[in-house]
Amino acid sequence: MLLPVLVLIAIIGGYWIAGRILRPIRKISDATAQIEQGNDLKKRIELGNGNDELYQLADAINAMIDRLDQSFETEKRFVSDASHELRTPVSVITAQCEYSLEKPRSEEEYVQALTVIRRQAGKMGKMIAQMLEFTRLEMKSDRYTKAPLNFSELITLTCLDFQYIHEKNIQLECHVEPDIVISGNYELLQRLANNLISNAYRYGKENGHINVTVQRKETQVSFSVTDDGIGIAPEEQEKIFMRFYQAERSRTGEGSGLGLSLAKEIALFHQGSLTVESILEEGSRFEVILPIK
């Protein structure tokens, strides 16, 4: 007489246990189906707390969706930035071509038009290269490997290259503490130094000075570039690290507005930071802090 009761209890218990076991699988299945149908990469699988294989699977799927979401957002941002920033040079090139083809022109006019087209094409090429570089850094591309390098030597060689420029009769002084070795990517760190020093030349004053220093600070290295140029207004000092932002006083048409944002991204890629201190008409000081490993 007890056997049917025990069988019934076993069936109910087994069904209940199976339901509890399969509930996380059903949640994973429902969540992935909703993501697929709605193309919503912001949605995540919520299983609560747990340590078994199903919870680990959910965490792995969430991590994969995070990476996909980041990739799509980066791609959308790149397309938006490219379409916005390339509109002007494309319009200028189109206008010059239409002007040249409208009727026969003199040789001087053709040369002038081609010079404008070449300048705008060069600007476009530089801008596209910088945007691609920025995107690779945001995606933490494996293209950039880190290795031990002599940071003191890198900055010293960069300063030597710039000392031959003599632009605006600006004097460049370099004070580098020797033999500071860090883990980093030589190409990226060289670009970081080039961006900061070239900016100091670009916005420096005639007969001005640029001071480059590298010194050890316990477990970190400080790399700073100080100039006595036009300076940056307080309300613009945070904005200058935004992509394509150019302060009103620095709109010369030469820059793309990507140099400082790329420099900051390179510092972040090396687990470091980039900050600025500036006073209008007195100059600016950019400082990069990098870990010594």
C-alpha atoms as a PDB file:
ATOM      1  CA  MET A   1       0.000   0.000   0.000  1.00  0.00           C
ATOM      2  CA  LEU A   2       2.928   2.361   0.639  1.00  0.00           C
ATOM      3  CA  LEU A   3       4.548   1.678  -2.730  1.00  0.00           C
ATOM      4  CA  PRO A   4       2.203   3.905  -4.831  1.00  0.00           C
ATOM      5  CA  VAL A   5       2.589   6.690  -2.278  1.00  0.00           C
ATOM      6  CA  LEU A   6       6.397   6.406  -2.378  1.00  0.00           C
ATOM      7  CA  VAL A   7       6.364   6.378  -6.187  1.00  0.00           C
ATOM      8  CA  LEU A   8       4.151   9.479  -6.222  1.00  0.00           C
ATOM      9  CA  ILE A   9       6.430  11.249  -3.741  1.00  0.00           C
ATOM     10  CA  ALA A  10       9.478  10.259  -5.819  1.00  0.00           C
ATOM     11  CA  ILE A  11       7.870  11.609  -9.010  1.00  0.00           C
ATOM     12  CA  ILE A  12       6.877  14.902  -7.379  1.00  0.00           C
ATOM     13  CA  GLY A  13      10.276  15.231  -5.703  1.00  0.00           C
ATOM     14  CA  GLY A  14      12.102  14.404  -8.911  1.00  0.00           C
ATOM     15  CA  TYR A  15      10.019  16.918 -10.853  1.00  0.00           C
ATOM     16  CA  TRP A  16      10.720  19.593  -8.234  1.00  0.00           C
ATOM     17  CA  ILE A  17      14.453  18.850  -8.179  1.00  0.00           C
ATOM     18  CA  ALA A  18      14.614  18.793 -11.989  1.00  0.00           C
ATOM     19  CA  GLY A  19      12.781  22.129 -12.093  1.00  0.00           C
ATOM     20  CA  ARG A  20      15.288  23.706  -9.745  1.00  0.00           C
ATOM     21  CA  ILE A  21      18.177  22.307 -11.777  1.00  0.00           C
ATOM     22  CA  LEU A  22      16.721  23.386 -15.107  1.00  0.00           C
ATOM     23  CA  ARG A  23      15.562  26.854 -13.965  1.00  0.00           C
ATOM     24  CA  PRO A  24      19.000  28.485 -14.518  1.00  0.00           C
ATOM     25  CA  ILE A  25      19.223  26.839 -17.945  1.00  0.00           C
ATOM     26  CA  ARG A  26      15.778  28.206 -18.812  1.00  0.00           C
ATOM     27  CA  LYS A  27      16.817  31.693 -17.668  1.00  0.00           C
ATOM     28  CA  ILE A  28      19.957  31.507 -19.791  1.00  0.00           C
ATOM     29  CA  SER A  29      17.939  30.341 -22.790  1.00  0.00           C
ATOM     30  CA  ASP A  30      15.252  33.038 -22.343  1.00  0.00           C
ATOM     31  CA  ALA A  31      17.795  35.818 -21.870  1.00  0.00           C
ATOM     32  CA  THR A  32      19.852  34.852 -24.943  1.00  0.00           C
ATOM     33  CA  ALA A  33      16.640  34.579 -27.007  1.00  0.00           C
ATOM     34  CA  GLN A  34      15.561  38.076 -25.929  1.00  0.00           C
ATOM     35  CA  ILE A  35      19.002  39.473 -26.762  1.00  0.00           C
ATOM     36  CA  GLU A  36      18.874  37.836 -30.195  1.00  0.00           C
ATOM     37  CA  GLN A  37      15.341  38.971 -30.976  1.00  0.00           C
ATOM     38  CA  GLY A  38      15.661  42.497 -29.655  1.00  0.00           C
ATOM     39  CA  ASN A  39      19.317  43.102 -30.570  1.00  0.00           C
ATOM     40  CA  ASP A  40      19.726  44.442 -27.029  1.00  0.00           C
ATOM     41  CA  LEU A  41      23.316  43.939 -25.933  1.00  0.00           C
ATOM     42  CA  LYS A  42      22.626  45.827 -22.689  1.00  0.00           C
ATOM     43  CA  LYS A  43      20.615  42.910 -21.290  1.00  0.00           C
ATOM     44  CA  ARG A  44      22.411  40.403 -19.040  1.00  0.00           C
ATOM     45  CA  ILE A  45      21.679  36.959 -17.638  1.00  0.00           C
ATOM     46  CA  GLU A  46      20.657  37.313 -13.982  1.00  0.00           C
ATOM     47  CA  LEU A  47      20.983  34.072 -11.994  1.00  0.00           C
ATOM     48  CA  GLY A  48      21.845  35.500  -8.591  1.00  0.00           C
ATOM     49  CA  ASN A  49      24.633  34.074  -6.480  1.00  0.00           C
ATOM     50  CA  GLY A  50      26.087  30.644  -7.139  1.00  0.00           C
ATOM     51  CA  ASN A  51      29.317  28.791  -7.813  1.00  0.00           C
ATOM     52  CA  ASP A  52      28.363  25.772  -9.895  1.00  0.00           C
ATOM     53  CA  GLU A  53      28.982  25.263 -13.608  1.00  0.00           C
ATOM     54  CA  LEU A  54      25.742  26.932 -14.739  1.00  0.00           C
ATOM     55  CA  TYR A  55      26.536  30.137 -12.890  1.00  0.00           C
ATOM     56  CA  GLN A  56      30.053  30.090 -14.344  1.00  0.00           C
ATOM     57  CA  LEU A  57      28.519  29.629 -17.800  1.00  0.00           C
ATOM     58  CA  ALA A  58      26.218  32.625 -17.239  1.00  0.00           C
ATOM     59  CA  ASP A  59      29.169  34.764 -16.131  1.00  0.00           C
ATOM     60  CA  ALA A  60      31.131  33.723 -19.216  1.00  0.00           C
ATOM     61  CA  ILE A  61      28.201  34.588 -21.506  1.00  0.00           C
ATOM     62  CA  ASN A  62      27.769  37.968 -19.773  1.00  0.00           C
ATOM     63  CA  ALA A  63      31.486  38.696 -20.235  1.00  0.00           C
ATOM     64  CA  MET A  64      31.199  37.792 -23.925  1.00  0.00           C
ATOM     65  CA  ILE A  65      28.172  40.089 -24.333  1.00  0.00           C
ATOM     66  CA  ASP A  66      30.085  42.893 -22.571  1.00  0.00           C
ATOM     67  CA  ARG A  67      32.908  42.517 -25.064  1.00  0.00           C
ATOM     68  CA  LEU A  68      30.501  42.466 -28.022  1.00  0.00           C
ATOM     69  CA  ASP A  69      28.665  45.508 -26.689  1.00  0.00           C
ATOM     70  CA  GLN A  70      31.956  47.366 -26.302  1.00  0.00           C
ATOM     71  CA  SER A  71      33.001  46.411 -29.827  1.00  0.00           C
ATOM     72  CA  PHE A  72      29.732  47.618 -31.360  1.00  0.00           C
ATOM     73  CA  GLU A  73      29.785  50.867 -29.361  1.00  0.00           C
ATOM     74  CA  THR A  74      33.367  51.529 -30.444  1.00  0.00           C
ATOM     75  CA  GLU A  75      32.466  50.834 -34.064  1.00  0.00           C
ATOM     76  CA  LYS A  76      29.429  53.139 -33.904  1.00  0.00           C
ATOM     77  CA  ARG A  77      31.522  55.885 -32.304  1.00  0.00           C
ATOM     78  CA  PHE A  78      34.221  55.497 -34.947  1.00  0.00           C
ATOM     79  CA  VAL A  79      31.707  55.723 -37.810  1.00  0.00           C
ATOM     80  CA  SER A  80      30.031  58.743 -36.208  1.00  0.00           C
ATOM     81  CA  ASP A  81      33.337  60.534 -35.607  1.00  0.00           C
ATOM     82  CA  ALA A  82      34.637  59.725 -39.074  1.00  0.00           C
ATOM     83  CA  SER A  83      31.498  60.919 -40.855  1.00  0.00           C
ATOM     84  CA  HIS A  84      31.442  64.134 -38.816  1.00  0.00           C
ATOM     85  CA  GLU A  85      35.105  65.065 -38.975  1.00  0.00           C
ATOM     86  CA  LEU A  86      35.719  64.072 -42.610  1.00  0.00           C
ATOM     87  CA  ARG A  87      32.768  66.073 -43.898  1.00  0.00           C
ATOM     88  CA  THR A  88      34.713  69.357 -44.063  1.00  0.00           C
ATOM     89  CA  PRO A  89      37.823  68.142 -45.950  1.00  0.00           C
ATOM     90  CA  VAL A  90      35.634  66.167 -48.376  1.00  0.00           C
ATOM     91  CA  SER A  91      33.524  69.271 -49.018  1.00  0.00           C
ATOM     92  CA  VAL A  92      36.651  71.360 -49.635  1.00  0.00           C
ATOM     93  CA  ILE A  93      38.082  68.782 -52.061  1.00  0.00           C
ATOM     94  CA  THR A  94      34.758  68.539 -53.919  1.00  0.00           C
ATOM     95  CA  ALA A  95      34.475  72.323 -54.167  1.00  0.00           C
ATOM     96  CA  GLN A  96      38.026  72.651 -55.523  1.00  0.00           C
ATOM     97  CA  CYS A  97      37.383  69.941 -58.129  1.00  0.00           C
ATOM     98  CA  GLU A  98      34.142  71.582 -59.262  1.00  0.00           C
ATOM     99  CA  TYR A  99      35.868  74.964 -59.425  1.00  0.00           C
ATOM    100  CA  SER A 100      38.706  73.552 -61.552  1.00  0.00           C
ATOM    101  CA  LEU A 101      36.370  71.687 -63.931  1.00  0.00           C
ATOM    102  CA  GLU A 102      33.829  74.474 -64.287  1.00  0.00           C
ATOM    103  CA  LYS A 103      35.842  76.150 -67.078  1.00  0.00           C
ATOM    104  CA  PRO A 104      39.450  76.328 -68.283  1.00  0.00           C
ATOM    105  CA  ARG A 105      41.717  77.834 -65.619  1.00  0.00           C
ATOM    106  CA  SER A 106      45.190  79.257 -65.620  1.00  0.00           C
ATOM    107  CA  GLU A 107      48.154  77.135 -64.592  1.00  0.00           C
ATOM    108  CA  GLU A 108      48.472  79.100 -61.356  1.00  0.00           C
ATOM    109  CA  GLU A 109      44.820  78.421 -60.457  1.00  0.00           C
ATOM    110  CA  TYR A 110      45.219  74.689 -61.133  1.00  0.00           C
ATOM    111  CA  VAL A 111      48.332  74.559 -58.939  1.00  0.00           C
ATOM    112  CA  GLN A 112      46.520  76.419 -56.176  1.00  0.00           C
ATOM    113  CA  ALA A 113      43.530  74.051 -56.353  1.00  0.00           C
ATOM    114  CA  LEU A 114      45.749  70.944 -56.323  1.00  0.00           C
ATOM    115  CA  THR A 115      47.689  72.332 -53.359  1.00  0.00           C
ATOM    116  CA  VAL A 116      44.460  72.716 -51.383  1.00  0.00           C
ATOM    117  CA  ILE A 117      43.328  69.205 -52.369  1.00  0.00           C
ATOM    118  CA  ARG A 118      46.674  67.711 -51.344  1.00  0.00           C
ATOM    119  CA  ARG A 119      46.580  69.509 -47.983  1.00  0.00           C
ATOM    120  CA  GLN A 120      43.027  68.340 -47.256  1.00  0.00           C
ATOM    121  CA  ALA A 121      43.815  64.777 -48.381  1.00  0.00           C
ATOM    122  CA  GLY A 122      46.828  64.704 -46.070  1.00  0.00           C
ATOM    123  CA  LYS A 123      44.680  65.958 -43.210  1.00  0.00           C
ATOM    124  CA  MET A 124      42.119  63.208 -43.908  1.00  0.00           C
ATOM    125  CA  GLY A 125      44.798  60.518 -44.013  1.00  0.00           C
ATOM    126  CA  LYS A 126      46.309  61.672 -40.720  1.00  0.00           C
ATOM    127  CA  MET A 127      42.893  61.871 -39.076  1.00  0.00           C
ATOM    128  CA  ILE A 128      41.871  58.380 -40.215  1.00  0.00           C
ATOM    129  CA  ALA A 129      45.165  56.905 -38.994  1.00  0.00           C
ATOM    130  CA  GLN A 130      44.720  58.528 -35.580  1.00  0.00           C
ATOM    131  CA  MET A 131      41.106  57.362 -35.300  1.00  0.00           C
ATOM    132  CA  LEU A 132      42.123  53.784 -36.115  1.00  0.00           C
ATOM    133  CA  GLU A 133      44.931  54.009 -33.547  1.00  0.00           C
ATOM    134  CA  PHE A 134      42.476  55.286 -30.953  1.00  0.00           C
ATOM    135  CA  THR A 135      40.021  52.491 -31.721  1.00  0.00           C
ATOM    136  CA  ARG A 136      42.705  49.803 -31.414  1.00  0.00           C
ATOM    137  CA  LEU A 137      43.727  51.188 -28.025  1.00  0.00           C
ATOM    138  CA  GLU A 138      40.112  51.277 -26.806  1.00  0.00           C
ATOM    139  CA  MET A 139      39.729  47.641 -27.842  1.00  0.00           C
ATOM    140  CA  LYS A 140      42.985  46.730 -26.024  1.00  0.00           C
ATOM    141  CA  SER A 141      44.321  45.262 -29.256  1.00  0.00           C
ATOM    142  CA  ASP A 142      46.887  42.453 -28.986  1.00  0.00           C
ATOM    143  CA  ARG A 143      48.844  44.321 -31.639  1.00  0.00           C
ATOM    144  CA  TYR A 144      50.515  46.346 -28.892  1.00  0.00           C
ATOM    145  CA  THR A 145      52.736  44.138 -26.766  1.00  0.00           C
ATOM    146  CA  LYS A 146      54.543  45.352 -23.662  1.00  0.00           C
ATOM    147  CA  ALA A 147      58.167  44.640 -22.827  1.00  0.00           C
ATOM    148  CA  PRO A 148      60.822  46.097 -20.508  1.00  0.00           C
ATOM    149  CA  LEU A 149      62.248  49.293 -22.023  1.00  0.00           C
ATOM    150  CA  ASN A 150      64.536  52.117 -20.959  1.00  0.00           C
ATOM    151  CA  PHE A 151      62.077  55.004 -20.644  1.00  0.00           C
ATOM    152  CA  SER A 152      64.871  57.489 -19.867  1.00  0.00           C
ATOM    153  CA  GLU A 153      66.599  56.662 -23.147  1.00  0.00           C
ATOM    154  CA  LEU A 154      63.338  56.906 -25.113  1.00  0.00           C
ATOM    155  CA  ILE A 155      62.621  60.447 -23.847  1.00  0.00           C
ATOM    156  CA  THR A 156      66.254  61.541 -24.315  1.00  0.00           C
ATOM    157  CA  LEU A 157      66.250  60.441 -27.959  1.00  0.00           C
ATOM    158  CA  THR A 158      62.881  62.122 -28.546  1.00  0.00           C
ATOM    159  CA  CYS A 159      64.220  65.396 -27.132  1.00  0.00           C
ATOM    160  CA  LEU A 160      67.284  65.176 -29.369  1.00  0.00           C
ATOM    161  CA  ASP A 161      65.036  64.846 -32.420  1.00  0.00           C
ATOM    162  CA  PHE A 162      63.029  67.943 -31.450  1.00  0.00           C
ATOM    163  CA  GLN A 163      66.068  70.070 -30.622  1.00  0.00           C
ATOM    164  CA  TYR A 164      66.831  70.353 -34.343  1.00  0.00           C
ATOM    165  CA  ILE A 165      63.477  71.971 -35.110  1.00  0.00           C
ATOM    166  CA  HIS A 166      64.206  75.549 -33.928  1.00  0.00           C
ATOM    167  CA  GLU A 167      60.533  76.418 -34.456  1.00  0.00           C
ATOM    168  CA  LYS A 168      59.642  79.932 -33.190  1.00  0.00           C
ATOM    169  CA  ASN A 169      63.178  80.025 -31.780  1.00  0.00           C
ATOM    170  CA  ILE A 170      61.934  77.981 -28.824  1.00  0.00           C
ATOM    171  CA  GLN A 171      64.610  76.496 -26.562  1.00  0.00           C
ATOM    172  CA  LEU A 172      64.050  72.876 -25.471  1.00  0.00           C
ATOM    173  CA  GLU A 173      65.677  71.660 -22.256  1.00  0.00           C
ATOM    174  CA  CYS A 174      65.651  68.011 -21.220  1.00  0.00           C
ATOM    175  CA  HIS A 175      66.341  66.795 -17.664  1.00  0.00           C
ATOM    176  CA  VAL A 176      66.100  63.000 -17.522  1.00  0.00           C
ATOM    177  CA  GLU A 177      66.983  60.752 -14.615  1.00  0.00           C
ATOM    178  CA  PRO A 178      68.969  57.895 -16.203  1.00  0.00           C
ATOM    179  CA  ASP A 179      68.145  54.195 -16.452  1.00  0.00           C
ATOM    180  CA  ILE A 180      64.464  54.198 -15.516  1.00  0.00           C
ATOM    181  CA  VAL A 181      63.073  50.938 -16.909  1.00  0.00           C
ATOM    182  CA  ILE A 182      59.337  50.315 -17.276  1.00  0.00           C
ATOM    183  CA  SER A 183      57.131  47.753 -18.982  1.00  0.00           C
ATOM    184  CA  GLY A 184      55.474  49.247 -22.037  1.00  0.00           C
ATOM    185  CA  ASN A 185      55.111  49.503 -25.779  1.00  0.00           C
ATOM    186  CA  TYR A 186      57.953  51.530 -27.315  1.00  0.00           C
ATOM    187  CA  GLU A 187      55.941  52.726 -30.328  1.00  0.00           C
ATOM    188  CA  LEU A 188      53.021  53.987 -28.240  1.00  0.00           C
ATOM    189  CA  LEU A 189      55.163  55.693 -25.597  1.00  0.00           C
ATOM    190  CA  GLN A 190      57.190  57.405 -28.318  1.00  0.00           C
ATOM    191  CA  ARG A 191      53.953  58.683 -29.854  1.00  0.00           C
ATOM    192  CA  LEU A 192      52.849  59.923 -26.429  1.00  0.00           C
ATOM    193  CA  ALA A 193      56.097  61.888 -25.993  1.00  0.00           C
ATOM    194  CA  ASN A 194      55.928  63.239 -29.567  1.00  0.00           C
ATOM    195  CA  ASN A 195      52.347  64.458 -29.095  1.00  0.00           C
ATOM    196  CA  LEU A 196      53.083  66.321 -25.858  1.00  0.00           C
ATOM    197  CA  ILE A 197      56.322  67.942 -27.039  1.00  0.00           C
ATOM    198  CA  SER A 198      54.970  68.896 -30.477  1.00  0.00           C
ATOM    199  CA  ASN A 199      51.938  70.486 -28.776  1.00  0.00           C
ATOM    200  CA  ALA A 200      54.300  72.542 -26.616  1.00  0.00           C
ATOM    201  CA  TYR A 201      55.978  73.829 -29.792  1.00  0.00           C
ATOM    202  CA  ARG A 202      52.688  74.464 -31.561  1.00  0.00           C
ATOM    203  CA  TYR A 203      51.187  76.565 -28.765  1.00  0.00           C
ATOM    204  CA  GLY A 204      54.426  78.046 -27.463  1.00  0.00           C
ATOM    205  CA  LYS A 205      55.415  81.682 -27.847  1.00  0.00           C
ATOM    206  CA  GLU A 206      58.249  83.170 -29.881  1.00  0.00           C
ATOM    207  CA  ASN A 207      61.609  82.803 -28.099  1.00  0.00           C
ATOM    208  CA  GLY A 208      59.917  80.654 -25.486  1.00  0.00           C
ATOM    209  CA  HIS A 209      61.088  77.646 -23.490  1.00  0.00           C
ATOM    210  CA  ILE A 210      60.061  74.005 -23.144  1.00  0.00           C
ATOM    211  CA  ASN A 211      61.236  71.946 -20.188  1.00  0.00           C
ATOM    212  CA  VAL A 212      61.029  68.136 -20.362  1.00  0.00           C
ATOM    213  CA  THR A 213      61.708  66.159 -17.177  1.00  0.00           C
ATOM    214  CA  VAL A 214      61.737  62.486 -16.260  1.00  0.00           C
ATOM    215  CA  GLN A 215      62.193  61.448 -12.640  1.00  0.00           C
ATOM    216  CA  ARG A 216      61.516  58.470 -10.426  1.00  0.00           C
ATOM    217  CA  LYS A 217      58.816  58.722  -7.750  1.00  0.00           C
ATOM    218  CA  GLU A 218      59.012  55.581  -5.598  1.00  0.00           C
ATOM    219  CA  THR A 219      57.266  52.897  -7.701  1.00  0.00           C
ATOM    220  CA  GLN A 220      56.317  55.338 -10.473  1.00  0.00           C
ATOM    221  CA  VAL A 221      57.968  57.520 -13.076  1.00  0.00           C
ATOM    222  CA  SER A 222      56.933  61.109 -13.774  1.00  0.00           C
ATOM    223  CA  PHE A 223      57.303  62.479 -17.316  1.00  0.00           C
ATOM    224  CA  SER A 224      56.376  66.149 -17.664  1.00  0.00           C
ATOM    225  CA  VAL A 225      56.411  68.726 -20.471  1.00  0.00           C
ATOM    226  CA  THR A 226      56.242  72.374 -19.388  1.00  0.00           C
ATOM    227  CA  ASP A 227      55.990  75.382 -21.714  1.00  0.00           C
ATOM    228  CA  ASP A 228      55.513  79.142 -21.347  1.00  0.00           C
ATOM    229  CA  GLY A 229      53.017  79.402 -24.201  1.00  0.00           C
ATOM    230  CA  ILE A 230      49.455  80.647 -24.542  1.00  0.00           C
ATOM    231  CA  GLY A 231      48.045  78.441 -21.774  1.00  0.00           C
ATOM    232  CA  ILE A 232      44.609  76.845 -21.446  1.00  0.00           C
ATOM    233  CA  ALA A 233      41.507  78.361 -19.856  1.00  0.00           C
ATOM    234  CA  PRO A 234      40.363  76.580 -16.637  1.00  0.00           C
ATOM    235  CA  GLU A 235      36.992  75.590 -18.127  1.00  0.00           C
ATOM    236  CA  GLU A 236      38.736  73.902 -21.066  1.00  0.00           C
ATOM    237  CA  GLN A 237      41.389  71.912 -19.215  1.00  0.00           C
ATOM    238  CA  GLU A 238      39.219  68.792 -18.891  1.00  0.00           C
ATOM    239  CA  LYS A 239      37.710  69.120 -22.350  1.00  0.00           C
ATOM    240  CA  ILE A 240      41.056  69.101 -24.184  1.00  0.00           C
ATOM    241  CA  PHE A 241      41.330  65.334 -23.608  1.00  0.00           C
ATOM    242  CA  MET A 242      38.027  64.733 -25.446  1.00  0.00           C
ATOM    243  CA  ARG A 243      38.248  63.475 -28.998  1.00  0.00           C
ATOM    244  CA  PHE A 244      38.237  66.207 -31.680  1.00  0.00           C
ATOM    245  CA  TYR A 245      37.987  68.983 -29.098  1.00  0.00           C
ATOM    246  CA  GLN A 246      40.070  72.067 -29.841  1.00  0.00           C
ATOM    247  CA  ALA A 247      40.194  75.081 -27.552  1.00  0.00           C
ATOM    248  CA  GLU A 248      39.100  78.333 -29.175  1.00  0.00           C
ATOM    249  CA  ARG A 249      42.553  79.918 -28.853  1.00  0.00           C
ATOM    250  CA  SER A 250      44.233  76.889 -30.451  1.00  0.00           C
ATOM    251  CA  ARG A 251      42.113  76.532 -33.574  1.00  0.00           C
ATOM    252  CA  THR A 252      44.880  76.954 -36.130  1.00  0.00           C
ATOM    253  CA  GLY A 253      43.542  74.358 -38.566  1.00  0.00           C
ATOM    254  CA  GLU A 254      46.727  72.321 -38.184  1.00  0.00           C
ATOM    255  CA  GLY A 255      45.617  69.877 -35.492  1.00  0.00           C
ATOM    256  CA  SER A 256      42.874  67.257 -35.599  1.00  0.00           C
ATOM    257  CA  GLY A 257      41.889  67.430 -31.935  1.00  0.00           C
ATOM    258  CA  LEU A 258      42.991  63.819 -31.439  1.00  0.00           C
ATOM    259  CA  GLY A 259      46.554  64.237 -30.187  1.00  0.00           C
ATOM    260  CA  LEU A 260      45.846  64.753 -26.478  1.00  0.00           C
ATOM    261  CA  SER A 261      42.992  62.234 -26.341  1.00  0.00           C
ATOM    262  CA  LEU A 262      45.282  59.660 -27.961  1.00  0.00           C
ATOM    263  CA  ALA A 263      48.068  60.546 -25.494  1.00  0.00           C
ATOM    264  CA  LYS A 264      45.723  60.009 -22.553  1.00  0.00           C
ATOM    265  CA  GLU A 265      44.522  56.693 -23.978  1.00  0.00           C
ATOM    266  CA  ILE A 266      48.153  55.560 -24.307  1.00  0.00           C
ATOM    267  CA  ALA A 267      48.783  56.494 -20.653  1.00  0.00           C
ATOM    268  CA  LEU A 268      45.688  54.546 -19.574  1.00  0.00           C
ATOM    269  CA  PHE A 269      46.810  51.583 -21.698  1.00  0.00           C
ATOM    270  CA  HIS A 270      49.967  51.499 -19.553  1.00  0.00           C
ATOM    271  CA  GLN A 271      47.940  51.764 -16.291  1.00  0.00           C
ATOM    272  CA  GLY A 272      49.062  55.372 -15.956  1.00  0.00           C
ATOM    273  CA  SER A 273      47.538  58.851 -16.053  1.00  0.00           C
ATOM    274  CA  LEU A 274      47.862  62.157 -17.904  1.00  0.00           C
ATOM    275  CA  THR A 275      47.006  65.477 -16.234  1.00  0.00           C
ATOM    276  CA  VAL A 276      47.423  69.163 -17.043  1.00  0.00           C
ATOM    277  CA  GLU A 277      48.034  72.342 -15.070  1.00  0.00           C
ATOM    278  CA  SER A 278      47.784  75.595 -16.989  1.00  0.00           C
ATOM    279  CA  ILE A 279      47.462  79.367 -16.582  1.00  0.00           C
ATOM    280  CA  LEU A 280      46.394  81.608 -19.466  1.00  0.00           C
ATOM    281  CA  GLU A 281      49.287  83.547 -21.024  1.00  0.00           C
ATOM    282  CA  GLU A 282      51.763  81.837 -18.673  1.00  0.00           C
ATOM    283  CA  GLY A 283      51.953  78.300 -20.022  1.00  0.00           C
ATOM    284  CA  SER A 284      51.006  74.683 -19.390  1.00  0.00           C
ATOM    285  CA  ARG A 285      52.455  71.633 -17.686  1.00  0.00           C
ATOM    286  CA  PHE A 286      51.415  68.148 -18.815  1.00  0.00           C
ATOM    287  CA  GLU A 287      52.432  65.278 -16.553  1.00  0.00           C
ATOM    288  CA  VAL A 288      52.331  61.553 -17.296  1.00  0.00           C
ATOM    289  CA  ILE A 289      52.585  59.112 -14.369  1.00  0.00           C
ATOM    290  CA  LEU A 290      53.492  55.525 -15.280  1.00  0.00           C
ATOM    291  CA  PRO A 291      54.108  52.512 -13.032  1.00  0.00           C
ATOM    292  CA  ILE A 292      57.608  51.050 -12.792  1.00  0.00           C
ATOM    293  CA  LYS A 293      57.451  47.254 -13.060  1.00  0.00           C
END
